[in-house]
């Protein structure tokens, strides 16, 4: 059964990836249309082409870590948001984070598949079936590793943080002064550490 926060993160991640496709991937589909293509890399540097074919340099740019920094940024942001939301809403992040992982991975596959589709169309020059679609396994497996390593680390840190909270609660409880009825009226039970200082 999914956690209560699953629908929230499903929408967050789906929306983020749709924005990414619209801004960074889909414009490449018009590469051969005539007007210049202008797109920004993740670091802000501009990509601009006009009057050249997709083969060669443009295709190399398209597939050489152009989209990964955007996907990595979405992944890190959503993991951070998941941990914060889990803490705020009292949801176990050990259950939520694997859900976020699944959402991120399926959306990464969606992005790479869209890129492979555009690549095939551009190389086919109107006849996409005339060329073979580029496999995405290498791109997907690298993103999968990136996400899985960080999800595992977040789960481990959540476990450590939870242990620290439980330990603090136990310590605070041991400092509480208890008033209990006794044969002589009301008895005061001092915390162990306070009793030690009274001796």
N, C-alpha and C. Protein backbone atom coordinates (compact mmCIF):
# COMPACT_ATOMS: atom_id res chain seq x y z
N UNK A 1 0.84 -1.21 0.00
CA UNK A 1 0.00 0.00 0.00
C UNK A 1 0.88 1.26 0.00
N UNK A 2 0.51 2.21 -0.82
CA UNK A 2 1.30 3.43 -0.94
C UNK A 2 1.15 4.32 0.29
N UNK A 3 2.16 5.13 0.55
CA UNK A 3 2.09 6.07 1.66
C UNK A 3 1.13 7.22 1.29
N UNK A 4 0.64 7.95 2.30
CA UNK A 4 -0.28 9.08 2.01
C UNK A 4 0.36 10.18 1.15
N UNK A 5 1.70 10.22 1.14
CA UNK A 5 2.38 11.27 0.38
C UNK A 5 2.68 10.87 -1.06
N UNK A 6 2.37 9.63 -1.43
CA UNK A 6 2.67 9.17 -2.80
C UNK A 6 2.00 10.05 -3.87
N UNK A 7 0.68 10.34 -3.76
CA UNK A 7 0.06 11.17 -4.81
C UNK A 7 0.70 12.55 -4.95
N UNK A 8 1.12 13.12 -3.81
CA UNK A 8 1.78 14.43 -3.85
C UNK A 8 3.05 14.38 -4.67
N UNK A 9 3.88 13.36 -4.41
CA UNK A 9 5.16 13.27 -5.12
C UNK A 9 5.01 12.77 -6.55
N UNK A 10 3.96 12.02 -6.79
CA UNK A 10 3.68 11.61 -8.17
C UNK A 10 3.42 12.84 -9.03
N UNK A 11 2.60 13.75 -8.52
CA UNK A 11 2.28 14.98 -9.26
C UNK A 11 3.50 15.89 -9.35
N UNK A 12 4.22 16.06 -8.25
CA UNK A 12 5.41 16.92 -8.25
C UNK A 12 6.41 16.48 -9.31
N UNK A 13 6.70 15.18 -9.33
CA UNK A 13 7.72 14.67 -10.25
C UNK A 13 7.22 14.66 -11.69
N UNK A 14 5.97 14.25 -11.89
CA UNK A 14 5.39 14.28 -13.24
C UNK A 14 5.42 15.70 -13.82
N UNK A 15 5.04 16.68 -12.99
CA UNK A 15 5.01 18.07 -13.45
C UNK A 15 6.41 18.58 -13.78
N UNK A 16 7.39 18.24 -12.91
CA UNK A 16 8.77 18.69 -13.13
C UNK A 16 9.32 18.12 -14.43
N UNK A 17 9.02 16.86 -14.70
CA UNK A 17 9.53 16.22 -15.91
C UNK A 17 8.82 16.75 -17.15
N UNK A 18 7.54 17.04 -17.06
CA UNK A 18 6.83 17.63 -18.21
C UNK A 18 7.41 19.00 -18.55
N UNK A 19 7.75 19.78 -17.52
CA UNK A 19 8.38 21.09 -17.77
C UNK A 19 9.73 20.90 -18.45
N UNK A 20 10.46 19.90 -18.00
CA UNK A 20 11.78 19.62 -18.58
C UNK A 20 11.65 19.21 -20.05
N UNK A 21 10.70 18.35 -20.35
CA UNK A 21 10.50 17.92 -21.73
C UNK A 21 10.13 19.10 -22.63
N UNK A 22 9.22 19.93 -22.14
CA UNK A 22 8.75 21.08 -22.93
C UNK A 22 9.87 22.07 -23.22
N UNK A 23 10.72 22.30 -22.20
CA UNK A 23 11.73 23.34 -22.33
C UNK A 23 13.05 22.84 -22.93
N UNK A 24 13.45 21.61 -22.60
CA UNK A 24 14.80 21.16 -22.96
C UNK A 24 14.86 20.04 -24.00
N UNK A 25 13.78 19.31 -24.18
CA UNK A 25 13.83 18.17 -25.10
C UNK A 25 13.02 18.42 -26.38
N UNK A 26 11.76 18.77 -26.22
CA UNK A 26 10.87 18.92 -27.38
C UNK A 26 11.36 19.94 -28.41
N UNK A 27 12.02 21.05 -28.02
CA UNK A 27 12.51 21.98 -29.04
C UNK A 27 13.45 21.34 -30.06
N UNK A 28 14.15 20.28 -29.67
CA UNK A 28 15.04 19.60 -30.61
C UNK A 28 14.27 18.97 -31.77
N UNK A 29 13.00 18.67 -31.57
CA UNK A 29 12.20 18.04 -32.62
C UNK A 29 12.09 18.94 -33.85
N UNK A 30 12.31 20.27 -33.67
CA UNK A 30 12.18 21.23 -34.77
C UNK A 30 13.55 21.60 -35.35
N UNK A 31 14.54 20.75 -35.08
CA UNK A 31 15.92 21.05 -35.50
C UNK A 31 16.02 21.28 -37.01
N UNK A 32 15.33 20.46 -37.78
CA UNK A 32 15.42 20.56 -39.25
C UNK A 32 14.33 21.45 -39.86
N UNK A 33 13.61 22.17 -39.01
CA UNK A 33 12.45 22.94 -39.52
C UNK A 33 12.85 24.24 -40.20
N UNK A 34 14.05 24.74 -39.97
CA UNK A 34 14.48 25.98 -40.62
C UNK A 34 14.94 27.05 -39.65
N UNK A 35 14.04 27.54 -38.76
CA UNK A 35 14.45 28.59 -37.83
C UNK A 35 15.57 28.10 -36.90
N UNK A 36 16.39 29.01 -36.40
CA UNK A 36 17.48 28.60 -35.51
C UNK A 36 16.95 27.97 -34.22
N UNK A 37 17.69 27.02 -33.72
CA UNK A 37 17.33 26.40 -32.45
C UNK A 37 18.23 26.97 -31.38
N UNK A 38 17.62 27.47 -30.29
CA UNK A 38 18.39 28.03 -29.18
C UNK A 38 17.88 27.43 -27.88
N UNK A 39 18.78 26.76 -27.17
CA UNK A 39 18.45 26.11 -25.91
C UNK A 39 19.59 26.35 -24.93
N UNK A 40 19.27 26.42 -23.65
CA UNK A 40 20.31 26.61 -22.64
C UNK A 40 20.65 25.29 -21.97
N UNK A 41 21.94 25.10 -21.72
CA UNK A 41 22.39 23.95 -20.93
C UNK A 41 22.04 24.19 -19.47
N UNK A 42 22.26 23.19 -18.63
CA UNK A 42 21.98 23.32 -17.20
C UNK A 42 22.84 24.41 -16.57
N UNK A 43 24.08 24.55 -17.04
CA UNK A 43 24.98 25.55 -16.46
C UNK A 43 24.76 26.95 -17.03
N UNK A 44 23.75 27.09 -17.92
CA UNK A 44 23.42 28.40 -18.46
C UNK A 44 24.03 28.69 -19.81
N UNK A 45 25.01 27.90 -20.22
CA UNK A 45 25.61 28.13 -21.55
C UNK A 45 24.58 27.84 -22.64
N UNK A 46 24.69 28.58 -23.72
CA UNK A 46 23.70 28.48 -24.79
C UNK A 46 24.10 27.46 -25.85
N UNK A 47 23.08 26.76 -26.36
CA UNK A 47 23.25 25.87 -27.51
C UNK A 47 22.48 26.52 -28.66
N UNK A 48 23.16 26.77 -29.76
CA UNK A 48 22.50 27.43 -30.91
C UNK A 48 22.96 26.79 -32.20
N UNK A 49 21.99 26.39 -33.03
CA UNK A 49 22.30 25.80 -34.34
C UNK A 49 21.35 26.37 -35.39
N UNK A 50 21.87 26.52 -36.60
CA UNK A 50 21.04 26.92 -37.74
C UNK A 50 21.72 26.49 -39.03
N UNK A 51 20.94 25.92 -39.93
CA UNK A 51 21.45 25.56 -41.24
C UNK A 51 22.41 24.39 -41.27
N UNK A 52 22.39 23.55 -40.24
CA UNK A 52 23.25 22.35 -40.23
C UNK A 52 22.38 21.12 -40.01
N UNK A 53 22.90 19.97 -40.38
CA UNK A 53 22.18 18.73 -40.15
C UNK A 53 22.33 18.27 -38.71
N UNK A 54 21.45 17.37 -38.31
CA UNK A 54 21.47 16.88 -36.93
C UNK A 54 22.67 15.96 -36.69
N UNK A 55 23.14 15.29 -37.73
CA UNK A 55 24.27 14.38 -37.58
C UNK A 55 25.53 15.14 -37.16
N UNK A 56 26.43 14.46 -36.52
CA UNK A 56 27.69 15.09 -36.12
C UNK A 56 27.58 15.81 -34.79
N UNK A 57 28.08 17.05 -34.75
CA UNK A 57 28.16 17.81 -33.51
C UNK A 57 26.82 17.98 -32.78
N UNK A 58 25.74 18.38 -33.47
CA UNK A 58 24.47 18.56 -32.75
C UNK A 58 24.00 17.26 -32.07
N UNK A 59 24.10 16.15 -32.77
CA UNK A 59 23.66 14.88 -32.18
C UNK A 59 24.55 14.49 -31.01
N UNK A 60 25.83 14.78 -31.13
CA UNK A 60 26.76 14.48 -30.03
C UNK A 60 26.41 15.30 -28.79
N UNK A 61 26.09 16.57 -29.00
CA UNK A 61 25.69 17.43 -27.88
C UNK A 61 24.40 16.91 -27.23
N UNK A 62 23.45 16.52 -28.08
CA UNK A 62 22.15 16.03 -27.62
C UNK A 62 22.29 14.84 -26.68
N UNK A 63 23.26 13.96 -26.98
CA UNK A 63 23.39 12.72 -26.20
C UNK A 63 24.53 12.73 -25.17
N UNK A 64 25.36 13.76 -25.15
CA UNK A 64 26.52 13.73 -24.24
C UNK A 64 26.27 14.55 -22.98
N UNK A 65 25.63 13.95 -22.02
CA UNK A 65 25.33 14.56 -20.71
C UNK A 65 24.69 15.94 -20.84
N UNK A 66 23.86 16.11 -21.84
CA UNK A 66 23.10 17.35 -21.96
C UNK A 66 21.92 17.35 -20.98
N UNK A 67 21.18 16.24 -20.94
CA UNK A 67 19.95 16.21 -20.14
C UNK A 67 20.17 15.72 -18.71
N UNK A 68 21.24 14.96 -18.48
CA UNK A 68 21.46 14.36 -17.16
C UNK A 68 21.52 15.35 -16.00
N UNK A 69 22.23 16.49 -16.14
CA UNK A 69 22.25 17.43 -15.01
C UNK A 69 20.85 17.91 -14.60
N UNK A 70 19.95 18.06 -15.56
CA UNK A 70 18.58 18.45 -15.25
C UNK A 70 17.87 17.35 -14.46
N UNK A 71 18.03 16.11 -14.92
CA UNK A 71 17.40 14.98 -14.23
C UNK A 71 17.98 14.78 -12.83
N UNK A 72 19.29 14.94 -12.71
CA UNK A 72 19.93 14.80 -11.40
C UNK A 72 19.42 15.86 -10.43
N UNK A 73 19.24 17.07 -10.94
CA UNK A 73 18.74 18.17 -10.10
C UNK A 73 17.32 17.88 -9.61
N UNK A 74 16.46 17.39 -10.51
CA UNK A 74 15.10 17.01 -10.11
C UNK A 74 15.14 15.92 -9.05
N UNK A 75 15.99 14.92 -9.26
CA UNK A 75 16.09 13.80 -8.33
C UNK A 75 16.50 14.27 -6.93
N UNK A 76 17.55 15.07 -6.86
CA UNK A 76 18.04 15.55 -5.57
C UNK A 76 16.99 16.42 -4.87
N UNK A 77 16.36 17.30 -5.63
CA UNK A 77 15.33 18.17 -5.04
C UNK A 77 14.16 17.35 -4.48
N UNK A 78 13.72 16.34 -5.23
CA UNK A 78 12.58 15.55 -4.79
C UNK A 78 12.92 14.65 -3.60
N UNK A 79 14.13 14.15 -3.53
CA UNK A 79 14.55 13.37 -2.36
C UNK A 79 14.57 14.25 -1.12
N UNK A 80 15.13 15.45 -1.26
CA UNK A 80 15.18 16.40 -0.13
C UNK A 80 13.77 16.76 0.31
N UNK A 81 12.89 17.01 -0.65
CA UNK A 81 11.50 17.36 -0.33
C UNK A 81 10.78 16.19 0.34
N UNK A 82 11.10 14.97 -0.09
CA UNK A 82 10.45 13.79 0.49
C UNK A 82 10.83 13.61 1.96
N UNK A 83 12.10 13.79 2.27
CA UNK A 83 12.56 13.67 3.66
C UNK A 83 11.90 14.75 4.53
N UNK A 84 11.86 15.99 4.02
CA UNK A 84 11.26 17.09 4.77
C UNK A 84 9.76 16.85 4.98
N UNK A 85 9.06 16.40 3.94
CA UNK A 85 7.62 16.14 4.05
C UNK A 85 7.33 14.98 4.99
N UNK A 86 8.17 13.95 4.94
CA UNK A 86 7.99 12.80 5.83
C UNK A 86 8.12 13.23 7.29
N UNK A 87 9.12 14.06 7.55
CA UNK A 87 9.33 14.54 8.93
C UNK A 87 8.16 15.42 9.39
N UNK A 88 7.71 16.30 8.49
CA UNK A 88 6.64 17.23 8.84
C UNK A 88 5.30 16.53 9.03
N UNK A 89 5.01 15.53 8.20
CA UNK A 89 3.70 14.86 8.22
C UNK A 89 3.69 13.57 9.03
N UNK A 90 4.82 13.20 9.60
CA UNK A 90 4.85 11.97 10.41
C UNK A 90 4.76 10.70 9.58
N UNK A 91 5.31 10.73 8.37
CA UNK A 91 5.32 9.56 7.50
C UNK A 91 6.72 8.95 7.54
N UNK A 92 6.82 7.63 7.50
CA UNK A 92 8.11 6.96 7.54
C UNK A 92 8.82 7.14 6.20
N UNK A 93 9.94 7.86 6.21
CA UNK A 93 10.69 8.11 4.97
C UNK A 93 11.26 6.81 4.38
N UNK A 94 11.42 5.79 5.21
CA UNK A 94 11.90 4.50 4.69
C UNK A 94 10.90 3.87 3.74
N UNK A 95 9.64 4.26 3.86
CA UNK A 95 8.60 3.79 2.95
C UNK A 95 8.40 4.76 1.78
N UNK A 96 8.51 6.07 2.08
CA UNK A 96 8.27 7.09 1.05
C UNK A 96 9.40 7.15 0.03
N UNK A 97 10.64 7.07 0.47
CA UNK A 97 11.78 7.23 -0.44
C UNK A 97 11.82 6.18 -1.55
N UNK A 98 11.53 4.90 -1.28
CA UNK A 98 11.47 3.95 -2.40
C UNK A 98 10.36 4.28 -3.40
N UNK A 99 9.27 4.87 -2.93
CA UNK A 99 8.21 5.31 -3.85
C UNK A 99 8.72 6.43 -4.75
N UNK A 100 9.43 7.37 -4.15
CA UNK A 100 10.01 8.48 -4.92
C UNK A 100 11.04 7.94 -5.92
N UNK A 101 11.80 6.96 -5.50
CA UNK A 101 12.78 6.33 -6.39
C UNK A 101 12.08 5.76 -7.64
N UNK A 102 11.00 5.03 -7.43
CA UNK A 102 10.26 4.45 -8.55
C UNK A 102 9.72 5.51 -9.50
N UNK A 103 9.20 6.59 -8.93
CA UNK A 103 8.67 7.68 -9.74
C UNK A 103 9.77 8.35 -10.56
N UNK A 104 10.91 8.57 -9.93
CA UNK A 104 12.04 9.21 -10.62
C UNK A 104 12.55 8.32 -11.75
N UNK A 105 12.68 7.03 -11.49
CA UNK A 105 13.22 6.12 -12.51
C UNK A 105 12.28 6.01 -13.71
N UNK A 106 10.98 5.89 -13.45
CA UNK A 106 10.04 5.78 -14.58
C UNK A 106 10.02 7.06 -15.41
N UNK A 107 10.20 8.20 -14.76
CA UNK A 107 10.22 9.47 -15.50
C UNK A 107 11.54 9.67 -16.25
N UNK A 108 12.64 9.16 -15.71
CA UNK A 108 13.90 9.21 -16.45
C UNK A 108 13.78 8.40 -17.73
N UNK A 109 13.17 7.24 -17.63
CA UNK A 109 12.97 6.39 -18.81
C UNK A 109 12.10 7.11 -19.84
N UNK A 110 11.10 7.82 -19.34
CA UNK A 110 10.21 8.59 -20.22
C UNK A 110 11.00 9.65 -21.00
N UNK A 111 11.90 10.35 -20.31
CA UNK A 111 12.71 11.39 -20.95
C UNK A 111 13.63 10.79 -22.02
N UNK A 112 14.33 9.71 -21.66
CA UNK A 112 15.26 9.11 -22.61
C UNK A 112 14.53 8.51 -23.82
N UNK A 113 13.34 7.97 -23.59
CA UNK A 113 12.55 7.43 -24.71
C UNK A 113 12.11 8.55 -25.65
N UNK A 114 11.73 9.71 -25.07
CA UNK A 114 11.35 10.85 -25.91
C UNK A 114 12.56 11.33 -26.73
N UNK A 115 13.72 11.35 -26.10
CA UNK A 115 14.93 11.76 -26.82
C UNK A 115 15.25 10.80 -27.95
N UNK A 116 15.10 9.50 -27.69
CA UNK A 116 15.38 8.49 -28.72
C UNK A 116 14.40 8.62 -29.88
N UNK A 117 13.16 8.96 -29.55
CA UNK A 117 12.13 9.16 -30.59
C UNK A 117 12.47 10.36 -31.47
N UNK A 118 12.87 11.47 -30.84
CA UNK A 118 13.24 12.68 -31.60
C UNK A 118 14.49 12.42 -32.44
N UNK A 119 15.45 11.75 -31.85
CA UNK A 119 16.69 11.40 -32.55
C UNK A 119 16.38 10.58 -33.80
N UNK A 120 15.50 9.60 -33.67
CA UNK A 120 15.14 8.75 -34.79
C UNK A 120 14.44 9.54 -35.91
N UNK A 121 13.56 10.45 -35.48
CA UNK A 121 12.83 11.26 -36.46
C UNK A 121 13.77 12.19 -37.24
N UNK A 122 14.70 12.81 -36.50
CA UNK A 122 15.62 13.75 -37.14
C UNK A 122 16.58 13.03 -38.08
N UNK A 123 17.08 11.89 -37.69
CA UNK A 123 18.00 11.14 -38.56
C UNK A 123 17.27 10.55 -39.76
N UNK A 124 15.98 10.20 -39.55
CA UNK A 124 15.20 9.63 -40.65
C UNK A 124 14.70 10.66 -41.64
N UNK A 125 14.82 11.94 -41.26
CA UNK A 125 14.41 13.06 -42.14
C UNK A 125 13.02 12.84 -42.73
N UNK A 126 12.08 12.62 -41.83
CA UNK A 126 10.69 12.42 -42.26
C UNK A 126 10.32 10.95 -42.39
N UNK A 127 11.30 10.07 -42.34
CA UNK A 127 11.04 8.63 -42.44
C UNK A 127 11.70 7.92 -41.24
N UNK A 128 11.15 8.10 -40.05
CA UNK A 128 11.80 7.56 -38.85
C UNK A 128 12.03 6.06 -38.90
N UNK A 129 11.14 5.32 -39.57
CA UNK A 129 11.30 3.87 -39.62
C UNK A 129 12.48 3.44 -40.50
N UNK A 130 13.04 4.40 -41.22
CA UNK A 130 14.18 4.05 -42.10
C UNK A 130 15.49 3.94 -41.34
N UNK A 131 15.50 4.41 -40.09
CA UNK A 131 16.72 4.31 -39.26
C UNK A 131 16.39 3.61 -37.95
N UNK A 132 17.39 3.01 -37.38
CA UNK A 132 17.19 2.28 -36.13
C UNK A 132 17.16 3.25 -34.95
N UNK A 133 16.27 2.99 -34.00
CA UNK A 133 16.19 3.84 -32.81
C UNK A 133 17.40 3.60 -31.91
N UNK A 134 17.94 4.67 -31.37
CA UNK A 134 19.09 4.54 -30.47
C UNK A 134 18.65 3.89 -29.17
N UNK A 135 19.39 2.86 -28.69
CA UNK A 135 19.07 2.26 -27.39
C UNK A 135 19.33 3.26 -26.27
N UNK A 136 18.56 3.18 -25.21
CA UNK A 136 18.72 4.12 -24.09
C UNK A 136 19.27 3.43 -22.83
N UNK A 137 19.59 2.15 -22.94
CA UNK A 137 20.00 1.38 -21.76
C UNK A 137 21.17 2.00 -21.02
N UNK A 138 22.18 2.48 -21.77
CA UNK A 138 23.37 3.05 -21.13
C UNK A 138 23.02 4.32 -20.35
N UNK A 139 22.19 5.17 -20.95
CA UNK A 139 21.80 6.42 -20.29
C UNK A 139 20.96 6.13 -19.04
N UNK A 140 20.01 5.22 -19.21
CA UNK A 140 19.11 4.90 -18.10
C UNK A 140 19.86 4.25 -16.94
N UNK A 141 20.76 3.34 -17.23
CA UNK A 141 21.46 2.63 -16.15
C UNK A 141 22.33 3.57 -15.31
N UNK A 142 22.91 4.60 -15.96
CA UNK A 142 23.71 5.56 -15.19
C UNK A 142 22.83 6.41 -14.27
N UNK A 143 21.67 6.81 -14.78
CA UNK A 143 20.74 7.58 -13.94
C UNK A 143 20.19 6.69 -12.82
N UNK A 144 19.92 5.45 -13.13
CA UNK A 144 19.42 4.51 -12.13
C UNK A 144 20.42 4.38 -10.98
N UNK A 145 21.70 4.25 -11.31
CA UNK A 145 22.74 4.15 -10.28
C UNK A 145 22.81 5.43 -9.45
N UNK A 146 22.76 6.57 -10.13
CA UNK A 146 22.81 7.88 -9.44
C UNK A 146 21.68 7.97 -8.41
N UNK A 147 20.48 7.61 -8.82
CA UNK A 147 19.31 7.72 -7.93
C UNK A 147 19.35 6.70 -6.81
N UNK A 148 19.67 5.46 -7.13
CA UNK A 148 19.66 4.40 -6.12
C UNK A 148 20.67 4.64 -5.01
N UNK A 149 21.86 5.11 -5.37
CA UNK A 149 22.90 5.39 -4.37
C UNK A 149 22.40 6.45 -3.39
N UNK A 150 21.77 7.49 -3.91
CA UNK A 150 21.32 8.59 -3.05
C UNK A 150 20.08 8.23 -2.23
N UNK A 151 19.20 7.43 -2.79
CA UNK A 151 18.04 6.98 -2.03
C UNK A 151 18.50 6.11 -0.86
N UNK A 152 19.44 5.22 -1.12
CA UNK A 152 19.97 4.35 -0.06
C UNK A 152 20.60 5.18 1.06
N UNK A 153 21.37 6.20 0.67
CA UNK A 153 22.01 7.07 1.67
C UNK A 153 20.97 7.82 2.50
N UNK A 154 19.92 8.32 1.85
CA UNK A 154 18.86 9.05 2.57
C UNK A 154 18.15 8.13 3.56
N UNK A 155 17.91 6.89 3.17
CA UNK A 155 17.24 5.93 4.06
C UNK A 155 18.12 5.63 5.27
N UNK A 156 19.42 5.47 5.03
CA UNK A 156 20.35 5.21 6.14
C UNK A 156 20.40 6.39 7.09
N UNK A 157 20.44 7.60 6.54
CA UNK A 157 20.48 8.81 7.39
C UNK A 157 19.18 8.97 8.16
N UNK A 158 18.05 8.60 7.54
CA UNK A 158 16.77 8.67 8.23
C UNK A 158 16.77 7.73 9.43
N UNK A 159 17.31 6.53 9.26
CA UNK A 159 17.39 5.55 10.35
C UNK A 159 18.23 6.08 11.50
N UNK A 160 19.35 6.71 11.17
CA UNK A 160 20.22 7.26 12.22
C UNK A 160 19.53 8.41 12.95
N UNK A 161 18.86 9.27 12.20
CA UNK A 161 18.16 10.41 12.80
C UNK A 161 17.03 9.93 13.70
N UNK A 162 16.32 8.89 13.29
CA UNK A 162 15.22 8.34 14.09
C UNK A 162 15.74 7.77 15.40
N UNK A 163 16.90 7.10 15.34
CA UNK A 163 17.50 6.52 16.54
C UNK A 163 17.90 7.62 17.52
N UNK A 164 18.45 8.72 16.98
CA UNK A 164 18.85 9.85 17.84
C UNK A 164 17.64 10.47 18.53
N UNK A 165 16.52 10.60 17.79
CA UNK A 165 15.30 11.18 18.36
C UNK A 165 14.77 10.29 19.48
N UNK A 166 14.73 8.97 19.24
CA UNK A 166 14.24 8.05 20.26
C UNK A 166 15.10 8.11 21.52
N UNK A 167 16.43 8.19 21.31
CA UNK A 167 17.35 8.26 22.44
C UNK A 167 17.12 9.54 23.24
N UNK A 168 16.91 10.65 22.54
CA UNK A 168 16.66 11.94 23.21
C UNK A 168 15.37 11.90 24.01
N UNK A 169 14.32 11.30 23.43
CA UNK A 169 13.03 11.20 24.12
C UNK A 169 13.17 10.40 25.40
N UNK A 170 13.91 9.28 25.33
CA UNK A 170 14.11 8.45 26.52
C UNK A 170 14.85 9.22 27.60
N UNK A 171 15.86 9.98 27.19
CA UNK A 171 16.63 10.77 28.17
C UNK A 171 15.75 11.83 28.82
N UNK A 172 14.92 12.49 28.00
CA UNK A 172 14.05 13.53 28.53
C UNK A 172 13.01 12.94 29.50
N UNK A 173 12.50 11.76 29.16
CA UNK A 173 11.52 11.12 30.03
C UNK A 173 12.14 10.78 31.39
N UNK A 174 13.43 10.40 31.37
CA UNK A 174 14.09 10.02 32.62
C UNK A 174 14.31 11.22 33.53
N UNK A 175 14.18 12.45 32.97
CA UNK A 175 14.38 13.66 33.77
C UNK A 175 13.09 14.18 34.41
N UNK A 176 11.97 13.52 34.14
CA UNK A 176 10.69 13.99 34.65
C UNK A 176 10.55 13.64 36.13
N UNK A 177 10.14 14.60 36.94
CA UNK A 177 9.85 14.38 38.36
C UNK A 177 8.44 13.83 38.50
N UNK A 178 8.30 12.68 39.12
CA UNK A 178 7.00 12.04 39.25
C UNK A 178 6.44 12.25 40.65
N UNK A 179 5.18 12.67 40.73
CA UNK A 179 4.46 12.79 42.00
C UNK A 179 3.51 11.61 42.11
N UNK A 180 3.70 10.79 43.17
CA UNK A 180 2.86 9.62 43.35
C UNK A 180 2.33 9.55 44.78
N UNK A 181 1.09 9.08 44.96
CA UNK A 181 0.55 8.96 46.32
C UNK A 181 1.34 7.91 47.12
N UNK A 182 1.50 8.21 48.43
CA UNK A 182 2.18 7.25 49.31
C UNK A 182 1.46 7.21 50.66
N UNK A 183 1.95 6.41 51.58
CA UNK A 183 1.34 6.29 52.91
C UNK A 183 1.38 7.61 53.67
N UNK A 184 2.34 8.45 53.35
CA UNK A 184 2.53 9.70 54.07
C UNK A 184 2.07 10.92 53.28
N UNK A 185 1.23 10.71 52.27
CA UNK A 185 0.75 11.83 51.46
C UNK A 185 1.18 11.66 50.01
N UNK A 186 2.03 12.55 49.54
CA UNK A 186 2.51 12.48 48.16
C UNK A 186 4.01 12.24 48.16
N UNK A 187 4.44 11.23 47.43
CA UNK A 187 5.86 10.93 47.30
C UNK A 187 6.42 11.53 46.03
N UNK A 188 7.63 11.99 46.09
CA UNK A 188 8.29 12.57 44.92
C UNK A 188 9.38 11.62 44.45
N UNK A 189 9.23 11.14 43.21
CA UNK A 189 10.26 10.29 42.61
C UNK A 189 11.16 11.15 41.74
N UNK A 190 12.41 11.30 42.17
CA UNK A 190 13.35 12.12 41.43
C UNK A 190 13.95 11.34 40.26
N UNK A 191 14.31 12.03 39.17
CA UNK A 191 15.02 11.36 38.08
C UNK A 191 16.33 10.79 38.58
N UNK A 192 16.83 9.74 37.90
CA UNK A 192 18.04 9.06 38.35
C UNK A 192 19.24 9.99 38.42
N UNK A 193 19.40 10.85 37.40
CA UNK A 193 20.57 11.72 37.40
C UNK A 193 20.49 12.78 38.50
N UNK A 194 19.24 13.19 38.85
CA UNK A 194 19.06 14.17 39.92
C UNK A 194 19.29 13.52 41.27
N UNK A 195 18.88 12.26 41.42
CA UNK A 195 19.11 11.53 42.67
C UNK A 195 20.60 11.41 42.94
N UNK A 196 21.36 11.17 41.88
CA UNK A 196 22.80 11.00 42.03
C UNK A 196 23.45 12.28 42.55
N UNK A 197 22.95 13.44 42.11
CA UNK A 197 23.55 14.71 42.54
C UNK A 197 23.18 15.03 44.00
N UNK A 198 22.04 14.43 44.49
CA UNK A 198 21.59 14.70 45.85
C UNK A 198 22.38 13.87 46.88
N UNK A 199 23.02 12.79 46.40
CA UNK A 199 23.74 11.92 47.35
C UNK A 199 25.07 12.52 47.77
